[in-house]
Every structure is written in C-alpha cells, then in structure tokens.
Amino acid sequence: MTISNTVGGVRIRSVKVKSDKNLGTYVVFALEANTGEALQFWEKIVATMGIPVLVDWEGEADVSPEELGQRMKRLLEGLRNGKS
C-alpha cells in the first residue's frame, strides 16, 4: 500500500494531533501551498473530520486580503461552534 503526501495537488509536510483545554483534540496540517490552495484544502478537510482542524501553509499569497479575511473568519467561527 502506498500513502501519498499530496492531496489535490497540495503537498502535506506534516500532520499533528494536538490537545488544548479549550478546543479539545484537534489536528494541524502543515502544507506547501499557495494561500488559495491552502484555504480550499482547509474548507474541504473540515467537512470530513470529526474534530477541529487548523492549517499552516507556506506559499504565495494569491488571494486578496479581503477574501482571506472572509474565508478565515468562516473557518475560525467553525472552530468556535464545533464545526471545524
């Protein structure tokens, strides 16, 4: 069996499971991706995970600050509401 470290064209550098007294157990994905790719990955992965998800990325900022803020707001609100 082969396990790929690339999902949807995004290279996953690492996946860590962590715990926090406020969030509980959560997952942090570190990606090699542009901002738009990372946000798209985050939006998709949130729908499949049963615990909170955070994403860290390195890459070109290819979305406007306004779009970044709007998308991050929705994702982080999901954390607070238990949907991310």
PDB file of N, CA and C in Angstrom:
ATOM      1  N   MET A   1       0.842  -1.174   0.000  1.00  0.00           N
ATOM      2  CA  MET A   1       0.000   0.000   0.000  1.00  0.00           C
ATOM      3  C   MET A   1       0.888   1.239   0.000  1.00  0.00           C
ATOM      4  N   THR A   2       0.535   2.226  -0.816  1.00  0.00           N
ATOM      5  CA  THR A   2       1.279   3.474  -0.898  1.00  0.00           C
ATOM      6  C   THR A   2       0.459   4.598  -0.281  1.00  0.00           C
ATOM      7  N   ILE A   3       1.088   5.364   0.576  1.00  0.00           N
ATOM      8  CA  ILE A   3       0.432   6.521   1.170  1.00  0.00           C
ATOM      9  C   ILE A   3       1.063   7.764   0.572  1.00  0.00           C
ATOM     10  N   SER A   4       0.253   8.583  -0.045  1.00  0.00           N
ATOM     11  CA  SER A   4       0.738   9.798  -0.691  1.00  0.00           C
ATOM     12  C   SER A   4       0.748  10.951   0.300  1.00  0.00           C
ATOM     13  N   ASN A   5       1.732  11.833   0.166  1.00  0.00           N
ATOM     14  CA  ASN A   5       1.744  13.028   0.990  1.00  0.00           C
ATOM     15  C   ASN A   5       1.258  14.236   0.187  1.00  0.00           C
ATOM     16  N   THR A   6       0.588  13.957  -0.941  1.00  0.00           N
ATOM     17  CA  THR A   6      -0.016  15.003  -1.753  1.00  0.00           C
ATOM     18  C   THR A   6      -1.502  14.728  -1.894  1.00  0.00           C
ATOM     19  N   VAL A   7      -2.320  15.730  -1.597  1.00  0.00           N
ATOM     20  CA  VAL A   7      -3.771  15.608  -1.705  1.00  0.00           C
ATOM     21  C   VAL A   7      -4.271  16.769  -2.543  1.00  0.00           C
ATOM     22  N   GLY A   8      -4.919  16.463  -3.652  1.00  0.00           N
ATOM     23  CA  GLY A   8      -5.461  17.510  -4.512  1.00  0.00           C
ATOM     24  C   GLY A   8      -4.419  18.482  -5.007  1.00  0.00           C
ATOM     25  N   GLY A   9      -3.197  17.992  -5.219  1.00  0.00           N
ATOM     26  CA  GLY A   9      -2.128  18.858  -5.695  1.00  0.00           C
ATOM     27  C   GLY A   9      -1.424  19.647  -4.597  1.00  0.00           C
ATOM     28  N   VAL A  10      -1.841  19.481  -3.364  1.00  0.00           N
ATOM     29  CA  VAL A  10      -1.241  20.188  -2.236  1.00  0.00           C
ATOM     30  C   VAL A  10      -0.338  19.218  -1.488  1.00  0.00           C
ATOM     31  N   ARG A  11       0.914  19.613  -1.285  1.00  0.00           N
ATOM     32  CA  ARG A  11       1.856  18.758  -0.554  1.00  0.00           C
ATOM     33  C   ARG A  11       1.677  18.960   0.946  1.00  0.00           C
ATOM     34  N   ILE A  12       1.445  17.859   1.646  1.00  0.00           N
ATOM     35  CA  ILE A  12       1.306  17.892   3.102  1.00  0.00           C
ATOM     36  C   ILE A  12       2.673  17.624   3.717  1.00  0.00           C
ATOM     37  N   ARG A  13       3.211  18.622   4.424  1.00  0.00           N
ATOM     38  CA  ARG A  13       4.514  18.466   5.089  1.00  0.00           C
ATOM     39  C   ARG A  13       4.398  17.658   6.366  1.00  0.00           C
ATOM     40  N   SER A  14       3.323  17.911   7.113  1.00  0.00           N
ATOM     41  CA  SER A  14       3.144  17.163   8.360  1.00  0.00           C
ATOM     42  C   SER A  14       1.685  17.234   8.807  1.00  0.00           C
ATOM     43  N   VAL A  15       1.333  16.279   9.639  1.00  0.00           N
ATOM     44  CA  VAL A  15       0.021  16.240  10.285  1.00  0.00           C
ATOM     45  C   VAL A  15       0.285  15.950  11.755  1.00  0.00           C
ATOM     46  N   LYS A  16      -0.222  16.818  12.614  1.00  0.00           N
ATOM     47  CA  LYS A  16      -0.020  16.630  14.054  1.00  0.00           C
ATOM     48  C   LYS A  16      -1.366  16.641  14.760  1.00  0.00           C
ATOM     49  N   VAL A  17      -1.518  15.728  15.683  1.00  0.00           N
ATOM     50  CA  VAL A  17      -2.698  15.704  16.544  1.00  0.00           C
ATOM     51  C   VAL A  17      -2.279  16.341  17.861  1.00  0.00           C
ATOM     52  N   LYS A  18      -3.052  17.355  18.270  1.00  0.00           N
ATOM     53  CA  LYS A  18      -2.725  18.082  19.493  1.00  0.00           C
ATOM     54  C   LYS A  18      -3.948  18.152  20.394  1.00  0.00           C
ATOM     55  N   SER A  19      -3.735  18.656  21.596  1.00  0.00           N
ATOM     56  CA  SER A  19      -4.830  18.793  22.541  1.00  0.00           C
ATOM     57  C   SER A  19      -4.722  20.141  23.238  1.00  0.00           C
ATOM     58  N   ASP A  20      -5.883  20.731  23.511  1.00  0.00           N
ATOM     59  CA  ASP A  20      -5.959  22.036  24.156  1.00  0.00           C
ATOM     60  C   ASP A  20      -7.138  22.000  25.115  1.00  0.00           C
ATOM     61  N   LYS A  21      -7.013  22.659  26.246  1.00  0.00           N
ATOM     62  CA  LYS A  21      -8.101  22.599  27.227  1.00  0.00           C
ATOM     63  C   LYS A  21      -9.384  23.241  26.707  1.00  0.00           C
ATOM     64  N   ASN A  22      -9.299  24.194  25.775  1.00  0.00           N
ATOM     65  CA  ASN A  22     -10.496  24.833  25.227  1.00  0.00           C
ATOM     66  C   ASN A  22     -11.012  24.146  23.966  1.00  0.00           C
ATOM     67  N   LEU A  23     -10.108  23.733  23.072  1.00  0.00           N
ATOM     68  CA  LEU A  23     -10.501  23.085  21.810  1.00  0.00           C
ATOM     69  C   LEU A  23     -10.689  21.587  21.939  1.00  0.00           C
ATOM     70  N   GLY A  24     -10.032  21.000  22.909  1.00  0.00           N
ATOM     71  CA  GLY A  24     -10.002  19.545  22.993  1.00  0.00           C
ATOM     72  C   GLY A  24      -8.958  19.020  22.016  1.00  0.00           C
ATOM     73  N   THR A  25      -9.198  17.857  21.453  1.00  0.00           N
ATOM     74  CA  THR A  25      -8.275  17.277  20.480  1.00  0.00           C
ATOM     75  C   THR A  25      -8.511  17.937  19.124  1.00  0.00           C
ATOM     76  N   TYR A  26      -7.416  18.287  18.443  1.00  0.00           N
ATOM     77  CA  TYR A  26      -7.504  18.907  17.125  1.00  0.00           C
ATOM     78  C   TYR A  26      -6.331  18.474  16.270  1.00  0.00           C
ATOM     79  N   VAL A  27      -6.426  18.726  14.966  1.00  0.00           N
ATOM     80  CA  VAL A  27      -5.396  18.329  14.009  1.00  0.00           C
ATOM     81  C   VAL A  27      -4.829  19.575  13.344  1.00  0.00           C
ATOM     82  N   VAL A  28      -3.505  19.594  13.166  1.00  0.00           N
ATOM     83  CA  VAL A  28      -2.838  20.687  12.450  1.00  0.00           C
ATOM     84  C   VAL A  28      -2.153  20.102  11.217  1.00  0.00           C
ATOM     85  N   PHE A  29      -2.560  20.577  10.037  1.00  0.00           N
ATOM     86  CA  PHE A  29      -1.924  20.210   8.782  1.00  0.00           C
ATOM     87  C   PHE A  29      -0.951  21.315   8.393  1.00  0.00           C
ATOM     88  N   ALA A  30       0.294  20.965   8.087  1.00  0.00           N
ATOM     89  CA  ALA A  30       1.268  21.916   7.553  1.00  0.00           C
ATOM     90  C   ALA A  30       1.405  21.618   6.055  1.00  0.00           C
ATOM     91  N   LEU A  31       1.166  22.630   5.228  1.00  0.00           N
ATOM     92  CA  LEU A  31       1.113  22.446   3.782  1.00  0.00           C
ATOM     93  C   LEU A  31       2.150  23.273   3.054  1.00  0.00           C
ATOM     94  N   GLU A  32       2.559  22.775   1.892  1.00  0.00           N
ATOM     95  CA  GLU A  32       3.301  23.568   0.918  1.00  0.00           C
ATOM     96  C   GLU A  32       2.287  23.938  -0.143  1.00  0.00           C
ATOM     97  N   ALA A  33       1.718  25.138  -0.030  1.00  0.00           N
ATOM     98  CA  ALA A  33       0.641  25.543  -0.927  1.00  0.00           C
ATOM     99  C   ALA A  33       0.510  27.053  -0.923  1.00  0.00           C
ATOM    100  N   ASN A  34      -0.030  27.577  -2.010  1.00  0.00           N
ATOM    101  CA  ASN A  34      -0.389  28.984  -2.042  1.00  0.00           C
ATOM    102  C   ASN A  34      -1.586  29.186  -1.119  1.00  0.00           C
ATOM    103  N   THR A  35      -1.860  30.423  -0.789  1.00  0.00           N
ATOM    104  CA  THR A  35      -2.954  30.731   0.122  1.00  0.00           C
ATOM    105  C   THR A  35      -4.287  30.167  -0.364  1.00  0.00           C
ATOM    106  N   GLY A  36      -4.611  30.373  -1.635  1.00  0.00           N
ATOM    107  CA  GLY A  36      -5.880  29.875  -2.172  1.00  0.00           C
ATOM    108  C   GLY A  36      -5.991  28.368  -2.090  1.00  0.00           C
ATOM    109  N   GLU A  37      -4.901  27.671  -2.411  1.00  0.00           N
ATOM    110  CA  GLU A  37      -4.894  26.203  -2.335  1.00  0.00           C
ATOM    111  C   GLU A  37      -5.066  25.732  -0.890  1.00  0.00           C
ATOM    112  N   ALA A  38      -4.382  26.409   0.028  1.00  0.00           N
ATOM    113  CA  ALA A  38      -4.461  26.030   1.440  1.00  0.00           C
ATOM    114  C   ALA A  38      -5.865  26.245   1.994  1.00  0.00           C
ATOM    115  N   LEU A  39      -6.475  27.364   1.631  1.00  0.00           N
ATOM    116  CA  LEU A  39      -7.834  27.620   2.100  1.00  0.00           C
ATOM    117  C   LEU A  39      -8.811  26.604   1.532  1.00  0.00           C
ATOM    118  N   GLN A  40      -8.651  26.263   0.261  1.00  0.00           N
ATOM    119  CA  GLN A  40      -9.526  25.273  -0.359  1.00  0.00           C
ATOM    120  C   GLN A  40      -9.361  23.911   0.328  1.00  0.00           C
ATOM    121  N   PHE A  41      -8.114  23.521   0.592  1.00  0.00           N
ATOM    122  CA  PHE A  41      -7.839  22.273   1.311  1.00  0.00           C
ATOM    123  C   PHE A  41      -8.529  22.300   2.677  1.00  0.00           C
ATOM    124  N   TRP A  42      -8.349  23.395   3.410  1.00  0.00           N
ATOM    125  CA  TRP A  42      -8.914  23.529   4.754  1.00  0.00           C
ATOM    126  C   TRP A  42     -10.432  23.419   4.706  1.00  0.00           C
ATOM    127  N   GLU A  43     -11.057  24.115   3.763  1.00  0.00           N
ATOM    128  CA  GLU A  43     -12.518  24.084   3.643  1.00  0.00           C
ATOM    129  C   GLU A  43     -13.027  22.675   3.345  1.00  0.00           C
ATOM    130  N   LYS A  44     -12.290  21.930   2.536  1.00  0.00           N
ATOM    131  CA  LYS A  44     -12.705  20.556   2.201  1.00  0.00           C
ATOM    132  C   LYS A  44     -12.453  19.590   3.350  1.00  0.00           C
ATOM    133  N   ILE A  45     -11.306  19.695   3.990  1.00  0.00           N
ATOM    134  CA  ILE A  45     -10.939  18.736   5.040  1.00  0.00           C
ATOM    135  C   ILE A  45     -11.824  18.908   6.274  1.00  0.00           C
ATOM    136  N   VAL A  46     -12.254  20.135   6.539  1.00  0.00           N
ATOM    137  CA  VAL A  46     -13.140  20.396   7.680  1.00  0.00           C
ATOM    138  C   VAL A  46     -14.403  19.557   7.574  1.00  0.00           C
ATOM    139  N   ALA A  47     -14.897  19.395   6.364  1.00  0.00           N
ATOM    140  CA  ALA A  47     -16.142  18.652   6.155  1.00  0.00           C
ATOM    141  C   ALA A  47     -15.979  17.156   6.428  1.00  0.00           C
ATOM    142  N   THR A  48     -14.753  16.655   6.430  1.00  0.00           N
ATOM    143  CA  THR A  48     -14.541  15.219   6.591  1.00  0.00           C
ATOM    144  C   THR A  48     -14.030  14.821   7.974  1.00  0.00           C
ATOM    145  N   MET A  49     -13.592  15.786   8.758  1.00  0.00           N
ATOM    146  CA  MET A  49     -13.016  15.482  10.065  1.00  0.00           C
ATOM    147  C   MET A  49     -14.074  15.653  11.147  1.00  0.00           C
ATOM    148  N   GLY A  50     -13.984  14.849  12.171  1.00  0.00           N
ATOM    149  CA  GLY A  50     -14.922  14.959  13.281  1.00  0.00           C
ATOM    150  C   GLY A  50     -14.395  15.784  14.434  1.00  0.00           C
ATOM    151  N   ILE A  51     -13.214  16.377  14.253  1.00  0.00           N
ATOM    152  CA  ILE A  51     -12.599  17.198  15.293  1.00  0.00           C
ATOM    153  C   ILE A  51     -12.110  18.502  14.651  1.00  0.00           C
ATOM    154  N   PRO A  52     -11.783  19.524  15.460  1.00  0.00           N
ATOM    155  CA  PRO A  52     -11.296  20.776  14.896  1.00  0.00           C
ATOM    156  C   PRO A  52     -10.019  20.584  14.066  1.00  0.00           C
ATOM    157  N   VAL A  53      -9.904  21.399  13.022  1.00  0.00           N
ATOM    158  CA  VAL A  53      -8.775  21.326  12.094  1.00  0.00           C
ATOM    159  C   VAL A  53      -8.176  22.717  11.931  1.00  0.00           C
ATOM    160  N   LEU A  54      -6.854  22.806  11.991  1.00  0.00           N
ATOM    161  CA  LEU A  54      -6.122  24.034  11.693  1.00  0.00           C
ATOM    162  C   LEU A  54      -5.157  23.738  10.559  1.00  0.00           C
ATOM    163  N   VAL A  55      -4.843  24.762   9.773  1.00  0.00           N
ATOM    164  CA  VAL A  55      -3.931  24.594   8.643  1.00  0.00           C
ATOM    165  C   VAL A  55      -2.875  25.695   8.677  1.00  0.00           C
ATOM    166  N   ASP A  56      -1.633  25.280   8.500  1.00  0.00           N
ATOM    167  CA  ASP A  56      -0.492  26.188   8.393  1.00  0.00           C
ATOM    168  C   ASP A  56       0.078  25.989   7.003  1.00  0.00           C
ATOM    169  N   TRP A  57       0.429  27.074   6.305  1.00  0.00           N
ATOM    170  CA  TRP A  57       0.938  26.915   4.941  1.00  0.00           C
ATOM    171  C   TRP A  57       2.043  27.899   4.628  1.00  0.00           C
ATOM    172  N   GLU A  58       2.856  27.512   3.652  1.00  0.00           N
ATOM    173  CA  GLU A  58       3.897  28.365   3.087  1.00  0.00           C
ATOM    174  C   GLU A  58       3.613  28.477   1.607  1.00  0.00           C
ATOM    175  N   GLY A  59       3.634  29.644   1.087  1.00  0.00           N
ATOM    176  CA  GLY A  59       3.399  29.804  -0.335  1.00  0.00           C
ATOM    177  C   GLY A  59       2.988  31.222  -0.662  1.00  0.00           C
ATOM    178  N   GLU A  60       2.776  31.437  -1.921  1.00  0.00           N
ATOM    179  CA  GLU A  60       2.433  32.759  -2.426  1.00  0.00           C
ATOM    180  C   GLU A  60       1.045  33.175  -1.957  1.00  0.00           C
ATOM    181  N   ALA A  61       0.911  34.435  -1.607  1.00  0.00           N
ATOM    182  CA  ALA A  61      -0.392  34.998  -1.245  1.00  0.00           C
ATOM    183  C   ALA A  61      -1.116  35.334  -2.542  1.00  0.00           C
ATOM    184  N   ASP A  62      -2.004  34.450  -2.967  1.00  0.00           N
ATOM    185  CA  ASP A  62      -2.658  34.612  -4.263  1.00  0.00           C
ATOM    186  C   ASP A  62      -4.147  34.933  -4.144  1.00  0.00           C
ATOM    187  N   VAL A  63      -4.579  35.364  -2.976  1.00  0.00           N
ATOM    188  CA  VAL A  63      -5.944  35.860  -2.790  1.00  0.00           C
ATOM    189  C   VAL A  63      -5.844  37.242  -2.153  1.00  0.00           C
ATOM    190  N   SER A  64      -6.884  38.040  -2.328  1.00  0.00           N
ATOM    191  CA  SER A  64      -6.877  39.387  -1.749  1.00  0.00           C
ATOM    192  C   SER A  64      -6.977  39.294  -0.226  1.00  0.00           C
ATOM    193  N   PRO A  65      -6.508  40.328   0.478  1.00  0.00           N
ATOM    194  CA  PRO A  65      -6.659  40.334   1.935  1.00  0.00           C
ATOM    195  C   PRO A  65      -8.119  40.214   2.368  1.00  0.00           C
ATOM    196  N   GLU A  66      -9.022  40.811   1.596  1.00  0.00           N
ATOM    197  CA  GLU A  66     -10.446  40.747   1.930  1.00  0.00           C
ATOM    198  C   GLU A  66     -10.969  39.306   1.839  1.00  0.00           C
ATOM    199  N   GLU A  67     -10.617  38.618   0.747  1.00  0.00           N
ATOM    200  CA  GLU A  67     -11.059  37.231   0.581  1.00  0.00           C
ATOM    201  C   GLU A  67     -10.457  36.348   1.672  1.00  0.00           C
ATOM    202  N   LEU A  68      -9.181  36.550   1.948  1.00  0.00           N
ATOM    203  CA  LEU A  68      -8.517  35.777   3.009  1.00  0.00           C
ATOM    204  C   LEU A  68      -9.246  35.972   4.330  1.00  0.00           C
ATOM    205  N   GLY A  69      -9.555  37.219   4.665  1.00  0.00           N
ATOM    206  CA  GLY A  69     -10.235  37.511   5.922  1.00  0.00           C
ATOM    207  C   GLY A  69     -11.607  36.871   6.006  1.00  0.00           C
ATOM    208  N   GLN A  70     -12.370  36.937   4.922  1.00  0.00           N
ATOM    209  CA  GLN A  70     -13.716  36.358   4.917  1.00  0.00           C
ATOM    210  C   GLN A  70     -13.674  34.846   5.077  1.00  0.00           C
ATOM    211  N   ARG A  71     -12.781  34.206   4.343  1.00  0.00           N
ATOM    212  CA  ARG A  71     -12.712  32.738   4.399  1.00  0.00           C
ATOM    213  C   ARG A  71     -12.173  32.267   5.748  1.00  0.00           C
ATOM    214  N   MET A  72     -11.159  32.966   6.274  1.00  0.00           N
ATOM    215  CA  MET A  72     -10.605  32.611   7.585  1.00  0.00           C
ATOM    216  C   MET A  72     -11.655  32.808   8.675  1.00  0.00           C
ATOM    217  N   LYS A  73     -12.436  33.871   8.574  1.00  0.00           N
ATOM    218  CA  LYS A  73     -13.487  34.126   9.561  1.00  0.00           C
ATOM    219  C   LYS A  73     -14.452  32.953   9.616  1.00  0.00           C
ATOM    220  N   ARG A  74     -14.910  32.487   8.448  1.00  0.00           N
ATOM    221  CA  ARG A  74     -15.847  31.350   8.419  1.00  0.00           C
ATOM    222  C   ARG A  74     -15.215  30.101   9.027  1.00  0.00           C
ATOM    223  N   LEU A  75     -13.952  29.843   8.677  1.00  0.00           N
ATOM    224  CA  LEU A  75     -13.288  28.651   9.197  1.00  0.00           C
ATOM    225  C   LEU A  75     -13.081  28.728  10.711  1.00  0.00           C
ATOM    226  N   LEU A  76     -12.658  29.881  11.193  1.00  0.00           N
ATOM    227  CA  LEU A  76     -12.410  30.020  12.626  1.00  0.00           C
ATOM    228  C   LEU A  76     -13.709  30.072  13.416  1.00  0.00           C
ATOM    229  N   GLU A  77     -14.773  30.610  12.848  1.00  0.00           N
ATOM    230  CA  GLU A  77     -16.074  30.553  13.519  1.00  0.00           C
ATOM    231  C   GLU A  77     -16.515  29.102  13.669  1.00  0.00           C
ATOM    232  N   GLY A  78     -16.178  28.280  12.678  1.00  0.00           N
ATOM    233  CA  GLY A  78     -16.486  26.859  12.755  1.00  0.00           C
ATOM    234  C   GLY A  78     -15.788  26.200  13.933  1.00  0.00           C
ATOM    235  N   LEU A  79     -14.548  26.637  14.226  1.00  0.00           N
ATOM    236  CA  LEU A  79     -13.835  26.109  15.389  1.00  0.00           C
ATOM    237  C   LEU A  79     -14.607  26.414  16.660  1.00  0.00           C
ATOM    238  N   ARG A  80     -15.048  27.639  16.770  1.00  0.00           N
ATOM    239  CA  ARG A  80     -15.768  28.071  17.975  1.00  0.00           C
ATOM    240  C   ARG A  80     -17.094  27.331  18.118  1.00  0.00           C
ATOM    241  N   ASN A  81     -17.723  27.040  16.996  1.00  0.00           N
ATOM    242  CA  ASN A  81     -19.030  26.390  17.016  1.00  0.00           C
ATOM    243  C   ASN A  81     -18.932  24.863  16.905  1.00  0.00           C
ATOM    244  N   GLY A  82     -17.708  24.347  16.906  1.00  0.00           N
ATOM    245  CA  GLY A  82     -17.525  22.893  16.851  1.00  0.00           C
ATOM    246  C   GLY A  82     -17.733  22.298  15.480  1.00  0.00           C
ATOM    247  N   LYS A  83     -17.632  23.108  14.417  1.00  0.00           N
ATOM    248  CA  LYS A  83     -17.845  22.620  13.060  1.00  0.00           C
ATOM    249  C   LYS A  83     -16.581  22.665  12.229  1.00  0.00           C
ATOM    250  N   SER A  84     -15.444  22.833  12.833  1.00  0.00           N
ATOM    251  CA  SER A  84     -14.190  22.854  12.102  1.00  0.00           C
ATOM    252  C   SER A  84     -13.191  21.954  12.789  1.00  0.00           C
TER     253      SER A  84
END
